[in-house]
Each structure stands twice: as structure tokens, then as C-alpha cells.
Amino acid sequence: MEYTIADKLMWHFMQGRCFKVLREECAEWDISQLRKEAKKRYREIVNATPSIGSYRDNSLKKNLTGGMAWITRQVCQPWRM
């Protein structure tokens, strides 16, 4: 898929609250570094994923990109689930 403005908005919707909670609960982590690594990895995953259509044509694209945004934060954090 091509990284579009809609994918960028999905990142901001999904990550705003997530990183706020992490900052409160895990004060010893470098959240700004984690956010940079996760955003970079998110872009890589979006660009490497085959296209399934636009947000207008395929409603599942929201679920796919939302899942990518969630997984990248999990993959990049110091302690992994």
C-alpha cells in the first residue's frame, strides 16, 4: 500500500492515547524514542503490505491499518507482550 494522509491520521488516532497511558504507567521508558521507532516501523509495514483498495472502497482497510498501528507499538516497546 502507499502511505497516504488517511494512514497518517489513523496513526494519530490510534497512538495519541496509547502513548499517554504508557508515559504515565512506564515512566522509566523513553517514550519519545519509542514513538519515533514505532512510527518508522508503521510506515515500513504500510508500504510493504499489498493494497486492498481505498478507505472508501474497502471498509476493512480501517481495521487493517488500525491493527498495524497497534502492532508496531507492541513490537517496538522495550517490554513485549
Protein backbone atom coordinates (compact mmCIF):
# COMPACT_ATOMS: atom_id res chain seq x y z
CA MET A 1 0.00 0.00 0.00
CA GLU A 2 1.05 3.55 -0.44
CA TYR A 3 1.39 5.60 2.77
CA THR A 4 -1.39 8.20 2.48
CA ILE A 5 -2.72 11.02 4.61
CA ALA A 6 -5.50 8.69 5.80
CA ASP A 7 -2.87 6.25 7.09
CA LYS A 8 -1.17 9.14 8.85
CA LEU A 9 -4.45 10.11 10.50
CA MET A 10 -5.03 6.51 11.58
CA TRP A 11 -1.61 6.58 13.28
CA HIS A 12 -2.54 9.72 15.21
CA PHE A 13 -5.97 8.40 16.22
CA MET A 14 -4.57 5.10 17.47
CA GLN A 15 -1.41 6.33 19.15
CA GLY A 16 -2.40 9.53 20.91
CA ARG A 17 -4.00 7.86 23.90
CA CYS A 18 -1.73 4.78 23.85
CA PHE A 19 1.46 6.75 24.37
CA LYS A 20 -0.18 8.96 27.00
CA VAL A 21 -1.04 5.88 29.06
CA LEU A 22 2.45 4.42 28.55
CA ARG A 23 4.04 7.69 29.67
CA GLU A 24 2.02 7.58 32.89
CA GLU A 25 2.48 3.89 33.65
CA CYS A 26 6.06 3.33 32.45
CA ALA A 27 7.94 6.46 33.44
CA GLU A 28 11.32 4.73 33.06
CA TRP A 29 10.82 4.18 29.30
CA ASP A 30 11.95 6.71 26.71
CA ILE A 31 8.52 7.29 25.16
CA SER A 32 9.68 9.79 22.55
CA GLN A 33 12.22 7.28 21.20
CA LEU A 34 9.60 4.51 21.28
CA ARG A 35 7.18 6.73 19.35
CA LYS A 36 9.80 7.51 16.67
CA GLU A 37 10.72 3.84 16.24
CA ALA A 38 7.08 2.75 16.12
CA LYS A 39 6.12 5.41 13.56
CA LYS A 40 9.05 4.45 11.34
CA ARG A 41 8.10 0.77 11.60
CA TYR A 42 4.43 1.61 10.88
CA ARG A 43 5.40 3.35 7.64
CA GLU A 44 7.54 0.36 6.65
CA ILE A 45 4.69 -2.08 7.32
CA VAL A 46 2.13 0.04 5.44
CA ASN A 47 4.44 0.34 2.42
CA ALA A 48 5.21 -3.41 2.44
CA THR A 49 1.57 -4.53 2.69
CA PRO A 50 -0.27 -5.30 -0.56
CA SER A 51 -3.09 -2.85 -1.31
CA ILE A 52 -6.67 -3.91 -0.56
CA GLY A 53 -8.26 -0.80 -2.04
CA SER A 54 -9.06 2.64 -0.71
CA TYR A 55 -10.80 3.51 2.53
CA ARG A 56 -13.90 4.34 0.53
CA ASP A 57 -13.95 1.09 -1.48
CA ASN A 58 -13.00 -1.36 1.26
CA SER A 59 -14.19 -0.79 4.82
CA LEU A 60 -11.73 -3.41 6.12
CA LYS A 61 -8.79 -1.14 5.32
CA LYS A 62 -9.55 0.80 8.53
CA ASN A 63 -9.23 -2.41 10.52
CA LEU A 64 -6.03 -3.37 8.72
CA THR A 65 -4.25 -0.05 9.25
CA GLY A 66 -5.56 0.24 12.82
CA GLY A 67 -4.13 -3.20 13.55
CA MET A 68 -0.80 -2.18 12.01
CA ALA A 69 -0.68 0.91 14.23
CA TRP A 70 -1.40 -1.18 17.33
CA ILE A 71 1.11 -3.94 16.50
CA THR A 72 4.00 -1.55 15.75
CA ARG A 73 3.77 -0.07 19.22
CA GLN A 74 3.83 -3.57 20.71
CA VAL A 75 6.81 -4.63 18.59
CA CYS A 76 8.91 -1.56 19.38
CA GLN A 77 8.35 -1.27 23.12
CA PRO A 78 11.19 -2.43 25.44
CA TRP A 79 8.99 -4.98 27.17
CA ARG A 80 6.97 -7.01 24.70
CA MET A 81 3.68 -8.76 25.39
